All heavy atoms as atom14 arrays in JSON, in Angstrom:
{
  "sequence": "DVTILAANWRCPYGEIDIIAATEKELYFVEVKTRRSRSYMEIRE",
  "atom14_mask": [
    [1, 1, 1, 1, 1, 1, 1, 1, 0, 0, 0, 0, 0, 0],
    [1, 1, 1, 1, 1, 1, 1, 0, 0, 0, 0, 0, 0, 0],
    [1, 1, 1, 1, 1, 1, 1, 0, 0, 0, 0, 0, 0, 0],
    [1, 1, 1, 1, 1, 1, 1, 1, 0, 0, 0, 0, 0, 0],
    [1, 1, 1, 1, 1, 1, 1, 1, 0, 0, 0, 0, 0, 0],
    [1, 1, 1, 1, 1, 0, 0, 0, 0, 0, 0, 0, 0, 0],
    [1, 1, 1, 1, 1, 0, 0, 0, 0, 0, 0, 0, 0, 0],
    [1, 1, 1, 1, 1, 1, 1, 1, 0, 0, 0, 0, 0, 0],
    [1, 1, 1, 1, 1, 1, 1, 1, 1, 1, 1, 1, 1, 1],
    [1, 1, 1, 1, 1, 1, 1, 1, 1, 1, 1, 0, 0, 0],
    [1, 1, 1, 1, 1, 1, 0, 0, 0, 0, 0, 0, 0, 0],
    [1, 1, 1, 1, 1, 1, 1, 0, 0, 0, 0, 0, 0, 0],
    [1, 1, 1, 1, 1, 1, 1, 1, 1, 1, 1, 1, 0, 0],
    [1, 1, 1, 1, 0, 0, 0, 0, 0, 0, 0, 0, 0, 0],
    [1, 1, 1, 1, 1, 1, 1, 1, 1, 0, 0, 0, 0, 0],
    [1, 1, 1, 1, 1, 1, 1, 1, 0, 0, 0, 0, 0, 0],
    [1, 1, 1, 1, 1, 1, 1, 1, 0, 0, 0, 0, 0, 0],
    [1, 1, 1, 1, 1, 1, 1, 1, 0, 0, 0, 0, 0, 0],
    [1, 1, 1, 1, 1, 1, 1, 1, 0, 0, 0, 0, 0, 0],
    [1, 1, 1, 1, 1, 0, 0, 0, 0, 0, 0, 0, 0, 0],
    [1, 1, 1, 1, 1, 0, 0, 0, 0, 0, 0, 0, 0, 0],
    [1, 1, 1, 1, 1, 1, 1, 0, 0, 0, 0, 0, 0, 0],
    [1, 1, 1, 1, 1, 1, 1, 1, 1, 0, 0, 0, 0, 0],
    [1, 1, 1, 1, 1, 1, 1, 1, 1, 0, 0, 0, 0, 0],
    [1, 1, 1, 1, 1, 1, 1, 1, 1, 0, 0, 0, 0, 0],
    [1, 1, 1, 1, 1, 1, 1, 1, 0, 0, 0, 0, 0, 0],
    [1, 1, 1, 1, 1, 1, 1, 1, 1, 1, 1, 1, 0, 0],
    [1, 1, 1, 1, 1, 1, 1, 1, 1, 1, 1, 0, 0, 0],
    [1, 1, 1, 1, 1, 1, 1, 0, 0, 0, 0, 0, 0, 0],
    [1, 1, 1, 1, 1, 1, 1, 1, 1, 0, 0, 0, 0, 0],
    [1, 1, 1, 1, 1, 1, 1, 0, 0, 0, 0, 0, 0, 0],
    [1, 1, 1, 1, 1, 1, 1, 1, 1, 0, 0, 0, 0, 0],
    [1, 1, 1, 1, 1, 1, 1, 0, 0, 0, 0, 0, 0, 0],
    [1, 1, 1, 1, 1, 1, 1, 1, 1, 1, 1, 0, 0, 0],
    [1, 1, 1, 1, 1, 1, 1, 1, 1, 1, 1, 0, 0, 0],
    [1, 1, 1, 1, 1, 1, 0, 0, 0, 0, 0, 0, 0, 0],
    [1, 1, 1, 1, 1, 1, 1, 1, 1, 1, 1, 0, 0, 0],
    [1, 1, 1, 1, 1, 1, 0, 0, 0, 0, 0, 0, 0, 0],
    [1, 1, 1, 1, 1, 1, 1, 1, 1, 1, 1, 1, 0, 0],
    [1, 1, 1, 1, 1, 1, 1, 1, 0, 0, 0, 0, 0, 0],
    [1, 1, 1, 1, 1, 1, 1, 1, 1, 0, 0, 0, 0, 0],
    [1, 1, 1, 1, 1, 1, 1, 1, 0, 0, 0, 0, 0, 0],
    [1, 1, 1, 1, 1, 1, 1, 1, 1, 1, 1, 0, 0, 0],
    [1, 1, 1, 1, 1, 1, 1, 1, 1, 0, 0, 0, 0, 0]
  ],
  "atom14_positions": [
    [[60.1, 38.1, 218.79], [59.77, 36.66, 218.88], [59.78, 36.14, 220.31], [60.14, 34.97, 220.55], [60.68, 35.82, 217.98], [60.44, 36.11, 216.51], [59.27, 36.34, 216.14], [61.42, 36.12, 215.75], [0.0, 0.0, 0.0], [0.0, 0.0, 0.0], [0.0, 0.0, 0.0], [0.0, 0.0, 0.0], [0.0, 0.0, 0.0], [0.0, 0.0, 0.0]],
    [[59.41, 36.99, 221.24], [59.23, 36.57, 222.62], [57.74, 36.28, 222.8], [56.89, 37.05, 222.36], [59.7, 37.68, 223.59], [59.39, 37.32, 225.03], [61.18, 37.96, 223.4], [0.0, 0.0, 0.0], [0.0, 0.0, 0.0], [0.0, 0.0, 0.0], [0.0, 0.0, 0.0], [0.0, 0.0, 0.0], [0.0, 0.0, 0.0], [0.0, 0.0, 0.0]],
    [[57.43, 35.17, 223.44], [56.04, 34.77, 223.66], [55.51, 35.38, 224.95], [56.16, 35.25, 226.0], [55.93, 33.23, 223.73], [56.44, 32.69, 222.52], [54.5, 32.79, 223.94], [0.0, 0.0, 0.0], [0.0, 0.0, 0.0], [0.0, 0.0, 0.0], [0.0, 0.0, 0.0], [0.0, 0.0, 0.0], [0.0, 0.0, 0.0], [0.0, 0.0, 0.0]],
    [[54.37, 36.02, 224.89], [53.73, 36.57, 226.08], [52.89, 35.45, 226.7], [51.98, 34.92, 226.07], [52.84, 37.79, 225.74], [53.65, 38.86, 224.99], [52.19, 38.34, 227.01], [54.84, 39.41, 225.72], [0.0, 0.0, 0.0], [0.0, 0.0, 0.0], [0.0, 0.0, 0.0], [0.0, 0.0, 0.0], [0.0, 0.0, 0.0], [0.0, 0.0, 0.0]],
    [[53.2, 35.09, 227.93], [52.47, 34.04, 228.63], [51.32, 34.59, 229.47], [50.29, 33.93, 229.62], [53.41, 33.24, 229.53], [54.6, 32.57, 228.84], [55.48, 31.88, 229.87], [54.13, 31.59, 227.78], [0.0, 0.0, 0.0], [0.0, 0.0, 0.0], [0.0, 0.0, 0.0], [0.0, 0.0, 0.0], [0.0, 0.0, 0.0], [0.0, 0.0, 0.0]],
    [[51.52, 35.77, 230.04], [50.5, 36.38, 230.9], [50.74, 37.87, 230.99], [51.86, 38.35, 230.89], [50.53, 35.76, 232.29], [0.0, 0.0, 0.0], [0.0, 0.0, 0.0], [0.0, 0.0, 0.0], [0.0, 0.0, 0.0], [0.0, 0.0, 0.0], [0.0, 0.0, 0.0], [0.0, 0.0, 0.0], [0.0, 0.0, 0.0], [0.0, 0.0, 0.0]],
    [[49.64, 38.59, 231.2], [49.71, 40.04, 231.45], [48.94, 40.3, 232.73], [47.87, 39.74, 232.95], [49.11, 40.81, 230.29], [0.0, 0.0, 0.0], [0.0, 0.0, 0.0], [0.0, 0.0, 0.0], [0.0, 0.0, 0.0], [0.0, 0.0, 0.0], [0.0, 0.0, 0.0], [0.0, 0.0, 0.0], [0.0, 0.0, 0.0], [0.0, 0.0, 0.0]],
    [[49.51, 41.12, 233.59], [48.89, 41.49, 234.86], [48.54, 40.25, 235.68], [47.45, 40.13, 236.22], [47.68, 42.38, 234.62], [48.02, 43.58, 233.78], [47.58, 43.7, 232.65], [48.86, 44.46, 234.3], [0.0, 0.0, 0.0], [0.0, 0.0, 0.0], [0.0, 0.0, 0.0], [0.0, 0.0, 0.0], [0.0, 0.0, 0.0], [0.0, 0.0, 0.0]],
    [[49.49, 39.34, 235.79], [49.3, 38.12, 236.56], [49.32, 38.45, 238.04], [50.23, 39.1, 238.54], [50.39, 37.08, 236.22], [50.09, 35.74, 236.78], [49.34, 34.77, 236.19], [50.51, 35.22, 238.04], [49.27, 33.67, 237.02], [49.98, 33.94, 238.16], [51.26, 35.73, 239.08], [50.19, 33.13, 239.28], [51.48, 34.95, 240.19], [50.94, 33.65, 240.29]],
    [[48.28, 38.03, 238.75], [48.11, 38.4, 240.17], [48.07, 37.18, 241.07], [47.6, 36.12, 240.68], [46.81, 39.17, 240.36], [46.75, 40.47, 239.65], [45.35, 41.08, 239.78], [45.15, 42.13, 238.83], [45.4, 43.4, 239.06], [45.84, 43.78, 240.23], [45.2, 44.31, 238.12], [0.0, 0.0, 0.0], [0.0, 0.0, 0.0], [0.0, 0.0, 0.0]],
    [[48.53, 37.41, 242.28], [48.42, 36.45, 243.37], [48.36, 37.27, 244.65], [48.45, 38.5, 244.6], [49.6, 35.47, 243.37], [51.14, 36.17, 243.97], [0.0, 0.0, 0.0], [0.0, 0.0, 0.0], [0.0, 0.0, 0.0], [0.0, 0.0, 0.0], [0.0, 0.0, 0.0], [0.0, 0.0, 0.0], [0.0, 0.0, 0.0], [0.0, 0.0, 0.0]],
    [[48.21, 36.64, 245.82], [48.14, 37.43, 247.05], [49.36, 38.32, 247.34], [49.26, 39.3, 248.05], [47.98, 36.36, 248.14], [47.32, 35.22, 247.44], [47.91, 35.23, 246.05], [0.0, 0.0, 0.0], [0.0, 0.0, 0.0], [0.0, 0.0, 0.0], [0.0, 0.0, 0.0], [0.0, 0.0, 0.0], [0.0, 0.0, 0.0], [0.0, 0.0, 0.0]],
    [[50.5, 37.97, 246.75], [51.72, 38.77, 247.0], [51.81, 40.02, 246.15], [52.5, 40.96, 246.51], [52.97, 37.91, 246.76], [53.04, 36.72, 247.65], [52.9, 35.44, 247.13], [53.24, 36.86, 249.02], [52.96, 34.33, 247.96], [53.31, 35.76, 249.84], [53.16, 34.5, 249.31], [53.21, 33.39, 250.13], [0.0, 0.0, 0.0], [0.0, 0.0, 0.0]],
    [[51.14, 40.01, 245.0], [51.23, 41.17, 244.13], [50.89, 40.83, 242.69], [50.2, 39.85, 242.42], [0.0, 0.0, 0.0], [0.0, 0.0, 0.0], [0.0, 0.0, 0.0], [0.0, 0.0, 0.0], [0.0, 0.0, 0.0], [0.0, 0.0, 0.0], [0.0, 0.0, 0.0], [0.0, 0.0, 0.0], [0.0, 0.0, 0.0], [0.0, 0.0, 0.0]],
    [[51.43, 41.64, 241.8], [51.15, 41.51, 240.38], [52.44, 41.61, 239.57], [53.34, 42.39, 239.92], [50.21, 42.62, 239.93], [49.93, 42.65, 238.46], [49.05, 43.83, 238.04], [48.47, 44.48, 238.9], [49.0, 44.08, 236.84], [0.0, 0.0, 0.0], [0.0, 0.0, 0.0], [0.0, 0.0, 0.0], [0.0, 0.0, 0.0], [0.0, 0.0, 0.0]],
    [[52.5, 40.84, 238.51], [53.6, 40.96, 237.56], [52.98, 41.48, 236.26], [52.02, 40.9, 235.75], [54.31, 39.62, 237.34], [55.0, 39.21, 238.65], [55.34, 39.74, 236.21], [55.7, 37.88, 238.6], [0.0, 0.0, 0.0], [0.0, 0.0, 0.0], [0.0, 0.0, 0.0], [0.0, 0.0, 0.0], [0.0, 0.0, 0.0], [0.0, 0.0, 0.0]],
    [[53.53, 42.57, 235.76], [52.95, 43.21, 234.57], [52.94, 42.29, 233.36], [51.94, 42.17, 232.67], [53.69, 44.51, 234.25], [53.54, 45.55, 235.36], [52.48, 45.58, 236.01], [54.5, 46.32, 235.55], [0.0, 0.0, 0.0], [0.0, 0.0, 0.0], [0.0, 0.0, 0.0], [0.0, 0.0, 0.0], [0.0, 0.0, 0.0], [0.0, 0.0, 0.0]],
    [[54.1, 41.68, 233.09], [54.21, 40.8, 231.92], [55.04, 39.59, 232.31], [56.1, 39.72, 232.92], [54.89, 41.52, 230.73], [54.1, 42.75, 230.31], [55.1, 40.57, 229.55], [54.84, 43.65, 229.33], [0.0, 0.0, 0.0], [0.0, 0.0, 0.0], [0.0, 0.0, 0.0], [0.0, 0.0, 0.0], [0.0, 0.0, 0.0], [0.0, 0.0, 0.0]],
    [[54.55, 38.43, 231.91], [55.34, 37.2, 232.01], [55.51, 36.73, 230.57], [54.52, 36.53, 229.85], [54.67, 36.13, 232.88], [54.47, 36.68, 234.31], [55.53, 34.86, 232.9], [53.67, 35.76, 235.21], [0.0, 0.0, 0.0], [0.0, 0.0, 0.0], [0.0, 0.0, 0.0], [0.0, 0.0, 0.0], [0.0, 0.0, 0.0], [0.0, 0.0, 0.0]],
    [[56.76, 36.6, 230.15], [57.06, 36.28, 228.76], [58.16, 35.23, 228.74], [58.81, 34.97, 229.75], [57.47, 37.54, 228.01], [0.0, 0.0, 0.0], [0.0, 0.0, 0.0], [0.0, 0.0, 0.0], [0.0, 0.0, 0.0], [0.0, 0.0, 0.0], [0.0, 0.0, 0.0], [0.0, 0.0, 0.0], [0.0, 0.0, 0.0], [0.0, 0.0, 0.0]],
    [[58.36, 34.65, 227.55], [59.37, 33.59, 227.49], [59.96, 33.44, 226.1], [59.32, 33.74, 225.08], [58.73, 32.26, 227.9], [0.0, 0.0, 0.0], [0.0, 0.0, 0.0], [0.0, 0.0, 0.0], [0.0, 0.0, 0.0], [0.0, 0.0, 0.0], [0.0, 0.0, 0.0], [0.0, 0.0, 0.0], [0.0, 0.0, 0.0], [0.0, 0.0, 0.0]],
    [[61.19, 32.97, 226.11], [61.83, 32.46, 224.92], [61.98, 30.95, 225.16], [61.49, 30.43, 226.18], [63.22, 33.09, 224.71], [64.05, 32.76, 225.83], [63.14, 34.59, 224.53], [0.0, 0.0, 0.0], [0.0, 0.0, 0.0], [0.0, 0.0, 0.0], [0.0, 0.0, 0.0], [0.0, 0.0, 0.0], [0.0, 0.0, 0.0], [0.0, 0.0, 0.0]],
    [[62.67, 30.29, 224.3], [62.84, 28.85, 224.47], [63.55, 28.52, 225.79], [63.22, 27.53, 226.44], [63.64, 28.28, 223.3], [63.76, 26.78, 223.32], [64.5, 26.25, 222.11], [64.33, 26.8, 221.0], [65.28, 25.29, 222.29], [0.0, 0.0, 0.0], [0.0, 0.0, 0.0], [0.0, 0.0, 0.0], [0.0, 0.0, 0.0], [0.0, 0.0, 0.0]],
    [[64.5, 29.36, 226.19], [65.32, 29.04, 227.37], [65.08, 29.91, 228.58], [65.48, 29.54, 229.68], [66.81, 29.13, 226.98], [67.21, 28.1, 225.95], [68.67, 28.18, 225.64], [69.01, 27.12, 224.6], [70.43, 27.09, 224.3], [0.0, 0.0, 0.0], [0.0, 0.0, 0.0], [0.0, 0.0, 0.0], [0.0, 0.0, 0.0], [0.0, 0.0, 0.0]],
    [[64.45, 31.08, 228.41], [64.31, 32.0, 229.54], [62.86, 32.4, 229.78], [62.05, 32.49, 228.85], [65.12, 33.28, 229.31], [66.62, 33.03, 229.35], [67.4, 34.32, 229.22], [67.27, 34.99, 228.17], [68.13, 34.64, 230.16], [0.0, 0.0, 0.0], [0.0, 0.0, 0.0], [0.0, 0.0, 0.0], [0.0, 0.0, 0.0], [0.0, 0.0, 0.0]],
    [[62.57, 32.67, 231.05], [61.26, 33.14, 231.48], [61.45, 34.54, 232.03], [62.24, 34.75, 232.95], [60.73, 32.2, 232.57], [59.35, 32.49, 233.12], [58.29, 32.3, 232.02], [59.06, 31.57, 234.3], [0.0, 0.0, 0.0], [0.0, 0.0, 0.0], [0.0, 0.0, 0.0], [0.0, 0.0, 0.0], [0.0, 0.0, 0.0], [0.0, 0.0, 0.0]],
    [[60.75, 35.51, 231.45], [60.92, 36.91, 231.83], [59.77, 37.33, 232.74], [58.6, 37.2, 232.38], [60.85, 37.85, 230.62], [61.78, 37.59, 229.47], [61.62, 38.32, 228.31], [62.8, 36.65, 229.51], [62.45, 38.13, 227.22], [63.64, 36.46, 228.42], [63.46, 37.2, 227.28], [64.28, 37.02, 226.2], [0.0, 0.0, 0.0], [0.0, 0.0, 0.0]],
    [[60.1, 37.88, 233.89], [59.14, 38.55, 234.75], [59.43, 40.04, 234.58], [60.49, 40.52, 234.99], [59.3, 38.11, 236.21], [58.98, 36.66, 236.42], [59.98, 35.71, 236.58], [57.65, 36.23, 236.45], [59.68, 34.37, 236.77], [57.34, 34.88, 236.64], [58.35, 33.95, 236.8], [0.0, 0.0, 0.0], [0.0, 0.0, 0.0], [0.0, 0.0, 0.0]],
    [[58.5, 40.74, 233.95], [58.78, 42.11, 233.52], [57.94, 43.11, 234.31], [56.71, 43.04, 234.34], [58.49, 42.29, 232.01], [58.88, 43.69, 231.56], [59.2, 41.22, 231.2], [0.0, 0.0, 0.0], [0.0, 0.0, 0.0], [0.0, 0.0, 0.0], [0.0, 0.0, 0.0], [0.0, 0.0, 0.0], [0.0, 0.0, 0.0], [0.0, 0.0, 0.0]],
    [[58.61, 44.07, 234.92], [57.97, 45.2, 235.58], [58.03, 46.37, 234.6], [59.1, 46.72, 234.11], [58.69, 45.55, 236.87], [58.18, 46.78, 237.58], [56.79, 46.61, 238.19], [56.27, 45.48, 238.23], [56.24, 47.63, 238.64], [0.0, 0.0, 0.0], [0.0, 0.0, 0.0], [0.0, 0.0, 0.0], [0.0, 0.0, 0.0], [0.0, 0.0, 0.0]],
    [[56.87, 46.95, 234.31], [56.8, 48.06, 233.36], [56.47, 49.34, 234.13], [55.54, 49.37, 234.93], [55.72, 47.81, 232.28], [55.65, 49.0, 231.32], [56.0, 46.52, 231.53], [0.0, 0.0, 0.0], [0.0, 0.0, 0.0], [0.0, 0.0, 0.0], [0.0, 0.0, 0.0], [0.0, 0.0, 0.0], [0.0, 0.0, 0.0], [0.0, 0.0, 0.0]],
    [[57.23, 50.38, 233.86], [56.99, 51.7, 234.45], [56.8, 52.69, 233.3], [57.65, 52.79, 232.42], [58.18, 52.14, 235.31], [58.4, 51.27, 236.53], [57.25, 51.42, 237.49], [57.5, 50.67, 238.78], [56.34, 50.72, 239.67], [0.0, 0.0, 0.0], [0.0, 0.0, 0.0], [0.0, 0.0, 0.0], [0.0, 0.0, 0.0], [0.0, 0.0, 0.0]],
    [[55.66, 53.37, 233.32], [55.35, 54.33, 232.25], [55.15, 55.71, 232.86], [54.43, 55.85, 233.85], [54.06, 53.91, 231.51], [54.21, 52.57, 231.05], [53.78, 54.83, 230.34], [0.0, 0.0, 0.0], [0.0, 0.0, 0.0], [0.0, 0.0, 0.0], [0.0, 0.0, 0.0], [0.0, 0.0, 0.0], [0.0, 0.0, 0.0], [0.0, 0.0, 0.0]],
    [[55.79, 56.7, 232.25], [55.63, 58.08, 232.71], [55.66, 59.01, 231.51], [56.15, 58.68, 230.44], [56.76, 58.46, 233.66], [56.74, 57.65, 234.94], [57.04, 58.51, 236.13], [57.01, 57.68, 237.33], [58.06, 57.2, 237.95], [59.26, 57.46, 237.49], [57.93, 56.48, 239.03], [0.0, 0.0, 0.0], [0.0, 0.0, 0.0], [0.0, 0.0, 0.0]],
    [[55.16, 60.21, 231.76], [55.17, 61.24, 230.72], [56.5, 61.97, 230.65], [56.83, 62.56, 229.62], [54.03, 62.23, 230.95], [52.66, 61.57, 230.73], [51.54, 62.51, 231.09], [51.49, 63.63, 230.18], [50.52, 63.83, 229.31], [49.52, 62.99, 229.21], [50.54, 64.89, 228.52], [0.0, 0.0, 0.0], [0.0, 0.0, 0.0], [0.0, 0.0, 0.0]],
    [[57.25, 61.99, 231.75], [58.54, 62.69, 231.73], [59.49, 62.05, 232.72], [59.11, 61.22, 233.54], [58.35, 64.16, 232.09], [58.13, 64.32, 233.48], [0.0, 0.0, 0.0], [0.0, 0.0, 0.0], [0.0, 0.0, 0.0], [0.0, 0.0, 0.0], [0.0, 0.0, 0.0], [0.0, 0.0, 0.0], [0.0, 0.0, 0.0], [0.0, 0.0, 0.0]],
    [[60.75, 62.49, 232.67], [61.78, 62.02, 233.6], [61.97, 62.99, 234.75], [62.94, 62.89, 235.48], [63.11, 61.88, 232.86], [63.15, 60.81, 231.84], [64.58, 60.74, 231.27], [64.7, 59.68, 230.3], [64.54, 59.83, 229.0], [64.26, 61.01, 228.51], [64.69, 58.82, 228.2], [0.0, 0.0, 0.0], [0.0, 0.0, 0.0], [0.0, 0.0, 0.0]],
    [[61.08, 63.94, 234.91], [61.31, 65.03, 235.86], [61.46, 64.57, 237.3], [62.15, 65.2, 238.08], [60.18, 66.06, 235.77], [58.94, 65.45, 236.11], [0.0, 0.0, 0.0], [0.0, 0.0, 0.0], [0.0, 0.0, 0.0], [0.0, 0.0, 0.0], [0.0, 0.0, 0.0], [0.0, 0.0, 0.0], [0.0, 0.0, 0.0], [0.0, 0.0, 0.0]],
    [[60.87, 63.45, 237.68], [60.95, 63.0, 239.07], [62.18, 62.13, 239.29], [63.02, 62.42, 240.12], [59.66, 62.25, 239.45], [59.67, 61.7, 240.84], [59.78, 62.52, 241.95], [59.62, 60.33, 241.05], [59.8, 62.01, 243.22], [59.64, 59.81, 242.32], [59.74, 60.65, 243.4], [59.77, 60.13, 244.65], [0.0, 0.0, 0.0], [0.0, 0.0, 0.0]],
    [[62.29, 61.05, 238.58], [63.44, 60.15, 238.68], [63.41, 59.24, 237.46], [62.4, 59.15, 236.78], [63.38, 59.32, 239.96], [62.29, 58.25, 239.96], [62.32, 57.11, 241.36], [61.48, 58.07, 242.6], [0.0, 0.0, 0.0], [0.0, 0.0, 0.0], [0.0, 0.0, 0.0], [0.0, 0.0, 0.0], [0.0, 0.0, 0.0], [0.0, 0.0, 0.0]],
    [[64.52, 58.6, 237.22], [64.53, 57.57, 236.18], [63.55, 56.48, 236.62], [63.48, 56.13, 237.79], [65.92, 56.99, 236.0], [66.91, 57.96, 235.4], [66.61, 58.28, 233.95], [66.24, 57.36, 233.19], [66.75, 59.45, 233.57], [0.0, 0.0, 0.0], [0.0, 0.0, 0.0], [0.0, 0.0, 0.0], [0.0, 0.0, 0.0], [0.0, 0.0, 0.0]],
    [[62.81, 55.96, 235.68], [61.77, 55.0, 236.02], [62.35, 53.78, 236.71], [61.79, 53.29, 237.68], [60.96, 54.61, 234.76], [60.17, 55.82, 234.26], [60.02, 53.47, 235.05], [59.43, 55.59, 232.97], [0.0, 0.0, 0.0], [0.0, 0.0, 0.0], [0.0, 0.0, 0.0], [0.0, 0.0, 0.0], [0.0, 0.0, 0.0], [0.0, 0.0, 0.0]],
    [[63.47, 53.28, 236.23], [64.02, 52.06, 236.81], [64.36, 52.25, 238.29], [64.42, 51.29, 239.04], [65.21, 51.55, 236.01], [66.42, 52.43, 236.05], [67.54, 51.87, 235.16], [68.63, 52.79, 235.08], [68.7, 53.81, 234.23], [67.74, 54.01, 233.38], [69.75, 54.61, 234.22], [0.0, 0.0, 0.0], [0.0, 0.0, 0.0], [0.0, 0.0, 0.0]],
    [[64.56, 53.49, 238.72], [64.83, 53.77, 240.13], [63.58, 53.53, 240.99], [63.69, 53.39, 242.2], [65.32, 55.21, 240.29], [66.66, 55.46, 239.64], [67.04, 56.94, 239.64], [66.29, 57.77, 240.18], [68.09, 57.25, 239.07], [0.0, 0.0, 0.0], [0.0, 0.0, 0.0], [0.0, 0.0, 0.0], [0.0, 0.0, 0.0], [0.0, 0.0, 0.0]]
  ]
}
């Protein structure tokens, strides 16, 4: 039940993969997708 406000929102500084919201919070979400963990943990 999180509302998606924007996907791939861009400006001169860069891009935010997902902007989403609940009643009280606004989420700026960075998404990292990989086939394996062999290089590093994605959050790193």
